[in-house]
């Protein structure tokens, strides 16, 4: 037997390098996506899109959006308890 590699070994090594490259790229994409989503959520709940001179509008928007999050979480808990636990 000679010391040469199996013909499929070269393809295998190339495939492993490609998988490593894809994993590295996907971690970067996923990480940056979560950072953007968190930043947008923060700006949304803080009413950054409203007129900064109108304090009442900002406060009302923050209250409404916060109550919406609380309502959505309550609904998820209710549905979980009703259909999964019951």
PDB file of N, CA and C in Angstrom:
ATOM      1  N   UNK A   1       0.831  -1.174   0.000  1.00  0.00           N
ATOM      2  CA  UNK A   1       0.000   0.000   0.000  1.00  0.00           C
ATOM      3  C   UNK A   1       0.874   1.235   0.000  1.00  0.00           C
ATOM      4  N   UNK A   2       0.492   2.149  -0.805  1.00  0.00           N
ATOM      5  CA  UNK A   2       1.254   3.386  -0.886  1.00  0.00           C
ATOM      6  C   UNK A   2       0.747   4.350   0.179  1.00  0.00           C
ATOM      7  N   UNK A   3       1.508   5.407   0.409  1.00  0.00           N
ATOM      8  CA  UNK A   3       1.173   6.403   1.431  1.00  0.00           C
ATOM      9  C   UNK A   3       0.221   7.469   0.926  1.00  0.00           C
ATOM     10  N   UNK A   4      -0.337   7.320  -0.268  1.00  0.00           N
ATOM     11  CA  UNK A   4      -1.238   8.352  -0.795  1.00  0.00           C
ATOM     12  C   UNK A   4      -2.608   8.247  -0.129  1.00  0.00           C
ATOM     13  N   UNK A   5      -3.294   9.387  -0.107  1.00  0.00           N
ATOM     14  CA  UNK A   5      -4.614   9.451   0.511  1.00  0.00           C
ATOM     15  C   UNK A   5      -5.672   8.876  -0.418  1.00  0.00           C
ATOM     16  N   UNK A   6      -6.735   8.475   0.164  1.00  0.00           N
ATOM     17  CA  UNK A   6      -7.885   7.980  -0.582  1.00  0.00           C
ATOM     18  C   UNK A   6      -8.448   9.150  -1.406  1.00  0.00           C
ATOM     19  N   UNK A   7      -8.924   8.915  -2.635  1.00  0.00           N
ATOM     20  CA  UNK A   7      -9.433  10.005  -3.472  1.00  0.00           C
ATOM     21  C   UNK A   7     -10.575  10.788  -2.809  1.00  0.00           C
ATOM     22  N   UNK A   8     -11.386  10.132  -2.010  1.00  0.00           N
ATOM     23  CA  UNK A   8     -12.507  10.815  -1.356  1.00  0.00           C
ATOM     24  C   UNK A   8     -12.057  11.650  -0.155  1.00  0.00           C
ATOM     25  N   UNK A   9     -10.837  11.386   0.323  1.00  0.00           N
ATOM     26  CA  UNK A   9     -10.335  12.115   1.493  1.00  0.00           C
ATOM     27  C   UNK A   9     -10.183  13.614   1.190  1.00  0.00           C
ATOM     28  N   UNK A  10      -9.754  13.939  -0.017  1.00  0.00           N
ATOM     29  CA  UNK A  10      -9.604  15.336  -0.403  1.00  0.00           C
ATOM     30  C   UNK A  10     -10.981  16.024  -0.405  1.00  0.00           C
ATOM     31  N   UNK A  11     -11.988  15.356  -0.937  1.00  0.00           N
ATOM     32  CA  UNK A  11     -13.343  15.915  -0.943  1.00  0.00           C
ATOM     33  C   UNK A  11     -13.870  16.080   0.482  1.00  0.00           C
ATOM     34  N   UNK A  12     -13.570  15.111   1.327  1.00  0.00           N
ATOM     35  CA  UNK A  12     -14.014  15.169   2.721  1.00  0.00           C
ATOM     36  C   UNK A  12     -13.406  16.368   3.432  1.00  0.00           C
ATOM     37  N   UNK A  13     -12.111  16.572   3.261  1.00  0.00           N
ATOM     38  CA  UNK A  13     -11.433  17.701   3.902  1.00  0.00           C
ATOM     39  C   UNK A  13     -11.985  19.028   3.390  1.00  0.00           C
ATOM     40  N   UNK A  14     -12.231  19.104   2.101  1.00  0.00           N
ATOM     41  CA  UNK A  14     -12.802  20.319   1.526  1.00  0.00           C
ATOM     42  C   UNK A  14     -14.204  20.584   2.086  1.00  0.00           C
ATOM     43  N   UNK A  15     -14.994  19.547   2.236  1.00  0.00           N
ATOM     44  CA  UNK A  15     -16.348  19.684   2.780  1.00  0.00           C
ATOM     45  C   UNK A  15     -16.297  20.146   4.239  1.00  0.00           C
ATOM     46  N   UNK A  16     -15.363  19.607   5.008  1.00  0.00           N
ATOM     47  CA  UNK A  16     -15.224  20.024   6.403  1.00  0.00           C
ATOM     48  C   UNK A  16     -14.816  21.486   6.517  1.00  0.00           C
ATOM     49  N   UNK A  17     -13.926  21.940   5.640  1.00  0.00           N
ATOM     50  CA  UNK A  17     -13.537  23.360   5.637  1.00  0.00           C
ATOM     51  C   UNK A  17     -14.732  24.242   5.286  1.00  0.00           C
ATOM     52  N   UNK A  18     -15.546  23.796   4.324  1.00  0.00           N
ATOM     53  CA  UNK A  18     -16.731  24.559   3.936  1.00  0.00           C
ATOM     54  C   UNK A  18     -17.728  24.640   5.089  1.00  0.00           C
ATOM     55  N   UNK A  19     -17.912  23.540   5.803  1.00  0.00           N
ATOM     56  CA  UNK A  19     -18.816  23.533   6.954  1.00  0.00           C
ATOM     57  C   UNK A  19     -18.319  24.489   8.032  1.00  0.00           C
ATOM     58  N   UNK A  20     -17.016  24.470   8.315  1.00  0.00           N
ATOM     59  CA  UNK A  20     -16.453  25.388   9.307  1.00  0.00           C
ATOM     60  C   UNK A  20     -16.672  26.838   8.896  1.00  0.00           C
ATOM     61  N   UNK A  21     -16.490  27.133   7.622  1.00  0.00           N
ATOM     62  CA  UNK A  21     -16.667  28.495   7.123  1.00  0.00           C
ATOM     63  C   UNK A  21     -18.130  28.934   7.270  1.00  0.00           C
ATOM     64  N   UNK A  22     -19.062  28.053   6.940  1.00  0.00           N
ATOM     65  CA  UNK A  22     -20.488  28.373   7.060  1.00  0.00           C
ATOM     66  C   UNK A  22     -20.870  28.594   8.520  1.00  0.00           C
ATOM     67  N   UNK A  23     -20.359  27.760   9.426  1.00  0.00           N
ATOM     68  CA  UNK A  23     -20.656  27.927  10.846  1.00  0.00           C
ATOM     69  C   UNK A  23     -20.156  29.270  11.353  1.00  0.00           C
ATOM     70  N   UNK A  24     -18.960  29.668  10.957  1.00  0.00           N
ATOM     71  CA  UNK A  24     -18.417  30.950  11.398  1.00  0.00           C
ATOM     72  C   UNK A  24     -19.252  32.111  10.868  1.00  0.00           C
ATOM     73  N   UNK A  25     -19.669  32.028   9.610  1.00  0.00           N
ATOM     74  CA  UNK A  25     -20.481  33.093   9.028  1.00  0.00           C
ATOM     75  C   UNK A  25     -21.864  33.153   9.657  1.00  0.00           C
ATOM     76  N   UNK A  26     -22.458  31.997   9.944  1.00  0.00           N
ATOM     77  CA  UNK A  26     -23.810  31.986  10.510  1.00  0.00           C
ATOM     78  C   UNK A  26     -23.806  32.541  11.929  1.00  0.00           C
ATOM     79  N   UNK A  27     -22.757  32.293  12.706  1.00  0.00           N
ATOM     80  CA  UNK A  27     -22.673  32.859  14.045  1.00  0.00           C
ATOM     81  C   UNK A  27     -22.638  34.376  13.976  1.00  0.00           C
ATOM     82  N   UNK A  28     -21.917  34.918  13.024  1.00  0.00           N
ATOM     83  CA  UNK A  28     -21.832  36.363  12.864  1.00  0.00           C
ATOM     84  C   UNK A  28     -23.183  36.928  12.458  1.00  0.00           C
ATOM     85  N   UNK A  29     -23.862  36.285  11.536  1.00  0.00           N
ATOM     86  CA  UNK A  29     -25.153  36.775  11.056  1.00  0.00           C
ATOM     87  C   UNK A  29     -26.191  36.707  12.164  1.00  0.00           C
ATOM     88  N   UNK A  30     -26.260  35.586  12.862  1.00  0.00           N
ATOM     89  CA  UNK A  30     -27.250  35.424  13.924  1.00  0.00           C
ATOM     90  C   UNK A  30     -26.984  36.417  15.044  1.00  0.00           C
ATOM     91  N   UNK A  31     -25.741  36.570  15.431  1.00  0.00           N
ATOM     92  CA  UNK A  31     -25.397  37.501  16.503  1.00  0.00           C
ATOM     93  C   UNK A  31     -25.770  38.929  16.154  1.00  0.00           C
ATOM     94  N   UNK A  32     -25.462  39.362  14.946  1.00  0.00           N
ATOM     95  CA  UNK A  32     -25.771  40.728  14.559  1.00  0.00           C
ATOM     96  C   UNK A  32     -27.277  40.926  14.411  1.00  0.00           C
ATOM     97  N   UNK A  33     -28.005  39.889  14.011  1.00  0.00           N
ATOM     98  CA  UNK A  33     -29.459  39.988  13.895  1.00  0.00           C
ATOM     99  C   UNK A  33     -30.085  40.197  15.259  1.00  0.00           C
ATOM    100  N   UNK A  34     -29.634  39.447  16.261  1.00  0.00           N
ATOM    101  CA  UNK A  34     -30.185  39.609  17.603  1.00  0.00           C
ATOM    102  C   UNK A  34     -29.848  40.975  18.175  1.00  0.00           C
ATOM    103  N   UNK A  35     -28.682  41.493  17.889  1.00  0.00           N
ATOM    104  CA  UNK A  35     -28.318  42.825  18.370  1.00  0.00           C
ATOM    105  C   UNK A  35     -29.221  43.876  17.742  1.00  0.00           C
ATOM    106  N   UNK A  36     -29.459  43.767  16.443  1.00  0.00           N
ATOM    107  CA  UNK A  36     -30.359  44.728  15.770  1.00  0.00           C
ATOM    108  C   UNK A  36     -31.773  44.628  16.313  1.00  0.00           C
ATOM    109  N   UNK A  37     -32.263  43.407  16.531  1.00  0.00           N
ATOM    110  CA  UNK A  37     -33.619  43.230  17.051  1.00  0.00           C
ATOM    111  C   UNK A  37     -33.746  43.820  18.450  1.00  0.00           C
ATOM    112  N   UNK A  38     -32.764  43.611  19.297  1.00  0.00           N
ATOM    113  CA  UNK A  38     -32.807  44.149  20.655  1.00  0.00           C
ATOM    114  C   UNK A  38     -32.771  45.673  20.634  1.00  0.00           C
ATOM    115  N   UNK A  39     -31.976  46.236  19.745  1.00  0.00           N
ATOM    116  CA  UNK A  39     -31.892  47.690  19.629  1.00  0.00           C
ATOM    117  C   UNK A  39     -33.212  48.275  19.147  1.00  0.00           C
ATOM    118  N   UNK A  40     -33.837  47.635  18.167  1.00  0.00           N
ATOM    119  CA  UNK A  40     -35.130  48.118  17.664  1.00  0.00           C
ATOM    120  C   UNK A  40     -36.208  47.995  18.725  1.00  0.00           C
ATOM    121  N   UNK A  41     -36.207  46.902  19.473  1.00  0.00           N
ATOM    122  CA  UNK A  41     -37.206  46.723  20.530  1.00  0.00           C
ATOM    123  C   UNK A  41     -37.034  47.778  21.608  1.00  0.00           C
ATOM    124  N   UNK A  42     -35.801  48.063  21.954  1.00  0.00           N
ATOM    125  CA  UNK A  42     -35.526  49.094  22.964  1.00  0.00           C
ATOM    126  C   UNK A  42     -36.028  50.449  22.487  1.00  0.00           C
ATOM    127  N   UNK A  43     -35.726  50.793  21.251  1.00  0.00           N
ATOM    128  CA  UNK A  43     -36.183  52.073  20.706  1.00  0.00           C
ATOM    129  C   UNK A  43     -37.701  52.106  20.575  1.00  0.00           C
ATOM    130  N   UNK A  44     -38.304  50.980  20.258  1.00  0.00           N
ATOM    131  CA  UNK A  44     -39.757  50.930  20.095  1.00  0.00           C
ATOM    132  C   UNK A  44     -40.452  51.132  21.436  1.00  0.00           C
ATOM    133  N   UNK A  45     -40.010  50.426  22.468  1.00  0.00           N
ATOM    134  CA  UNK A  45     -40.632  50.563  23.779  1.00  0.00           C
ATOM    135  C   UNK A  45     -40.348  51.923  24.418  1.00  0.00           C
ATOM    136  N   UNK A  46     -39.238  52.539  24.072  1.00  0.00           N
ATOM    137  CA  UNK A  46     -38.910  53.860  24.611  1.00  0.00           C
ATOM    138  C   UNK A  46     -39.552  54.987  23.823  1.00  0.00           C
ATOM    139  N   UNK A  47     -40.334  54.674  22.814  1.00  0.00           N
ATOM    140  CA  UNK A  47     -41.041  55.654  21.976  1.00  0.00           C
ATOM    141  C   UNK A  47     -40.061  56.621  21.314  1.00  0.00           C
ATOM    142  N   UNK A  48     -38.967  56.070  20.785  1.00  0.00           N
ATOM    143  CA  UNK A  48     -37.966  56.903  20.124  1.00  0.00           C
ATOM    144  C   UNK A  48     -38.483  57.490  18.811  1.00  0.00           C
ATOM    145  N   UNK A  49     -39.582  56.927  18.285  1.00  0.00           N
ATOM    146  CA  UNK A  49     -40.121  57.402  17.019  1.00  0.00           C
ATOM    147  C   UNK A  49     -41.111  58.560  17.199  1.00  0.00           C
ATOM    148  N   UNK A  50     -41.373  58.963  18.431  1.00  0.00           N
ATOM    149  CA  UNK A  50     -42.321  60.048  18.701  1.00  0.00           C
ATOM    150  C   UNK A  50     -41.586  61.373  18.861  1.00  0.00           C
ATOM    151  N   UNK A  51     -42.358  62.464  18.797  1.00  0.00           N
ATOM    152  CA  UNK A  51     -41.805  63.814  18.918  1.00  0.00           C
ATOM    153  C   UNK A  51     -41.205  63.998  20.309  1.00  0.00           C
ATOM    154  N   UNK A  52     -39.910  64.299  20.419  1.00  0.00           N
ATOM    155  CA  UNK A  52     -39.277  64.420  21.739  1.00  0.00           C
ATOM    156  C   UNK A  52     -39.794  65.617  22.547  1.00  0.00           C
ATOM    157  N   UNK A  53     -40.429  66.596  21.909  1.00  0.00           N
ATOM    158  CA  UNK A  53     -40.940  67.764  22.628  1.00  0.00           C
ATOM    159  C   UNK A  53     -42.299  67.504  23.271  1.00  0.00           C
ATOM    160  N   UNK A  54     -42.986  66.457  22.878  1.00  0.00           N
ATOM    161  CA  UNK A  54     -44.317  66.146  23.394  1.00  0.00           C
ATOM    162  C   UNK A  54     -44.211  65.028  24.435  1.00  0.00           C
ATOM    163  N   UNK A  55     -44.017  65.428  25.709  1.00  0.00           N
ATOM    164  CA  UNK A  55     -43.811  64.464  26.795  1.00  0.00           C
ATOM    165  C   UNK A  55     -45.024  63.561  27.004  1.00  0.00           C
ATOM    166  N   UNK A  56     -46.224  64.106  26.878  1.00  0.00           N
ATOM    167  CA  UNK A  56     -47.439  63.325  27.103  1.00  0.00           C
ATOM    168  C   UNK A  56     -47.546  62.209  26.062  1.00  0.00           C
ATOM    169  N   UNK A  57     -47.235  62.520  24.817  1.00  0.00           N
ATOM    170  CA  UNK A  57     -47.295  61.496  23.767  1.00  0.00           C
ATOM    171  C   UNK A  57     -46.272  60.393  24.031  1.00  0.00           C
ATOM    172  N   UNK A  58     -45.091  60.769  24.472  1.00  0.00           N
ATOM    173  CA  UNK A  58     -44.048  59.786  24.773  1.00  0.00           C
ATOM    174  C   UNK A  58     -44.473  58.891  25.928  1.00  0.00           C
ATOM    175  N   UNK A  59     -44.990  59.493  27.000  1.00  0.00           N
ATOM    176  CA  UNK A  59     -45.412  58.718  28.168  1.00  0.00           C
ATOM    177  C   UNK A  59     -46.572  57.784  27.793  1.00  0.00           C
ATOM    178  N   UNK A  60     -47.555  58.311  27.070  1.00  0.00           N
ATOM    179  CA  UNK A  60     -48.690  57.494  26.652  1.00  0.00           C
ATOM    180  C   UNK A  60     -48.273  56.346  25.760  1.00  0.00           C
ATOM    181  N   UNK A  61     -47.343  56.599  24.859  1.00  0.00           N
ATOM    182  CA  UNK A  61     -46.851  55.549  23.962  1.00  0.00           C
ATOM    183  C   UNK A  61     -46.108  54.481  24.745  1.00  0.00           C
ATOM    184  N   UNK A  62     -45.289  54.897  25.696  1.00  0.00           N
ATOM    185  CA  UNK A  62     -44.557  53.928  26.522  1.00  0.00           C
ATOM    186  C   UNK A  62     -45.521  53.070  27.332  1.00  0.00           C
ATOM    187  N   UNK A  63     -46.533  53.695  27.918  1.00  0.00           N
ATOM    188  CA  UNK A  63     -47.513  52.947  28.715  1.00  0.00           C
ATOM    189  C   UNK A  63     -48.250  51.949  27.820  1.00  0.00           C
ATOM    190  N   UNK A  64     -48.723  52.408  26.673  1.00  0.00           N
ATOM    191  CA  UNK A  64     -49.471  51.537  25.768  1.00  0.00           C
ATOM    192  C   UNK A  64     -48.646  50.374  25.263  1.00  0.00           C
ATOM    193  N   UNK A  65     -47.442  50.629  24.884  1.00  0.00           N
ATOM    194  CA  UNK A  65     -46.586  49.557  24.363  1.00  0.00           C
ATOM    195  C   UNK A  65     -46.183  48.584  25.462  1.00  0.00           C
ATOM    196  N   UNK A  66     -45.943  49.087  26.666  1.00  0.00           N
ATOM    197  CA  UNK A  66     -45.610  48.210  27.791  1.00  0.00           C
ATOM    198  C   UNK A  66     -46.804  47.342  28.160  1.00  0.00           C
ATOM    199  N   UNK A  67     -48.008  47.917  28.183  1.00  0.00           N
ATOM    200  CA  UNK A  67     -49.199  47.123  28.462  1.00  0.00           C
ATOM    201  C   UNK A  67     -49.430  46.070  27.381  1.00  0.00           C
ATOM    202  N   UNK A  68     -49.089  46.389  26.157  1.00  0.00           N
ATOM    203  CA  UNK A  68     -49.202  45.405  25.081  1.00  0.00           C
ATOM    204  C   UNK A  68     -48.287  44.215  25.308  1.00  0.00           C
ATOM    205  N   UNK A  69     -47.070  44.466  25.771  1.00  0.00           N
ATOM    206  CA  UNK A  69     -46.130  43.372  26.063  1.00  0.00           C
ATOM    207  C   UNK A  69     -46.655  42.535  27.225  1.00  0.00           C
ATOM    208  N   UNK A  70     -47.153  43.212  28.273  1.00  0.00           N
ATOM    209  CA  UNK A  70     -47.694  42.487  29.432  1.00  0.00           C
ATOM    210  C   UNK A  70     -48.890  41.630  28.999  1.00  0.00           C
ATOM    211  N   UNK A  71     -49.783  42.187  28.190  1.00  0.00           N
ATOM    212  CA  UNK A  71     -50.942  41.447  27.711  1.00  0.00           C
ATOM    213  C   UNK A  71     -50.511  40.224  26.894  1.00  0.00           C
ATOM    214  N   UNK A  72     -49.549  40.401  26.008  1.00  0.00           N
ATOM    215  CA  UNK A  72     -49.082  39.284  25.178  1.00  0.00           C
ATOM    216  C   UNK A  72     -48.471  38.180  26.044  1.00  0.00           C
ATOM    217  N   UNK A  73     -47.668  38.550  27.043  1.00  0.00           N
ATOM    218  CA  UNK A  73     -47.089  37.545  27.935  1.00  0.00           C
ATOM    219  C   UNK A  73     -48.178  36.835  28.740  1.00  0.00           C
ATOM    220  N   UNK A  74     -49.163  37.596  29.216  1.00  0.00           N
ATOM    221  CA  UNK A  74     -50.278  36.990  29.939  1.00  0.00           C
ATOM    222  C   UNK A  74     -51.046  36.019  29.066  1.00  0.00           C
ATOM    223  N   UNK A  75     -51.268  36.376  27.818  1.00  0.00           N
ATOM    224  CA  UNK A  75     -51.971  35.492  26.891  1.00  0.00           C
ATOM    225  C   UNK A  75     -51.194  34.201  26.649  1.00  0.00           C
ATOM    226  N   UNK A  76     -49.898  34.308  26.491  1.00  0.00           N
ATOM    227  CA  UNK A  76     -49.070  33.113  26.292  1.00  0.00           C
ATOM    228  C   UNK A  76     -49.135  32.218  27.522  1.00  0.00           C
ATOM    229  N   UNK A  77     -49.052  32.803  28.709  1.00  0.00           N
ATOM    230  CA  UNK A  77     -49.135  32.012  29.943  1.00  0.00           C
ATOM    231  C   UNK A  77     -50.501  31.346  30.055  1.00  0.00           C
ATOM    232  N   UNK A  78     -51.559  32.107  29.776  1.00  0.00           N
ATOM    233  CA  UNK A  78     -52.910  31.549  29.837  1.00  0.00           C
ATOM    234  C   UNK A  78     -53.073  30.371  28.868  1.00  0.00           C
ATOM    235  N   UNK A  79     -52.625  30.548  27.648  1.00  0.00           N
ATOM    236  CA  UNK A  79     -52.745  29.474  26.665  1.00  0.00           C
ATOM    237  C   UNK A  79     -51.930  28.255  27.056  1.00  0.00           C
ATOM    238  N   UNK A  80     -50.750  28.488  27.594  1.00  0.00           N
ATOM    239  CA  UNK A  80     -49.901  27.376  28.036  1.00  0.00           C
ATOM    240  C   UNK A  80     -50.582  26.593  29.151  1.00  0.00           C
ATOM    241  N   UNK A  81     -51.082  27.311  30.152  1.00  0.00           N
ATOM    242  CA  UNK A  81     -51.718  26.648  31.290  1.00  0.00           C
ATOM    243  C   UNK A  81     -52.982  25.928  30.828  1.00  0.00           C
ATOM    244  N   UNK A  82     -53.754  26.541  29.944  1.00  0.00           N
ATOM    245  CA  UNK A  82     -55.017  25.957  29.508  1.00  0.00           C
ATOM    246  C   UNK A  82     -54.825  24.722  28.641  1.00  0.00           C
ATOM    247  N   UNK A  83     -53.935  24.800  27.658  1.00  0.00           N
ATOM    248  CA  UNK A  83     -53.850  23.729  26.669  1.00  0.00           C
ATOM    249  C   UNK A  83     -52.707  22.738  26.888  1.00  0.00           C
ATOM    250  N   UNK A  84     -51.675  23.131  27.600  1.00  0.00           N
ATOM    251  CA  UNK A  84     -50.557  22.219  27.808  1.00  0.00           C
ATOM    252  C   UNK A  84     -50.656  21.560  29.186  1.00  0.00           C
ATOM    253  N   UNK A  85     -50.952  22.341  30.192  1.00  0.00           N
ATOM    254  CA  UNK A  85     -51.018  21.823  31.558  1.00  0.00           C
ATOM    255  C   UNK A  85     -52.376  21.181  31.835  1.00  0.00           C
ATOM    256  N   UNK A  86     -53.426  21.655  31.147  1.00  0.00           N
ATOM    257  CA  UNK A  86     -54.777  21.190  31.471  1.00  0.00           C
ATOM    258  C   UNK A  86     -55.117  20.005  30.692  1.00  0.00           C
TER     259      UNK A  86
END
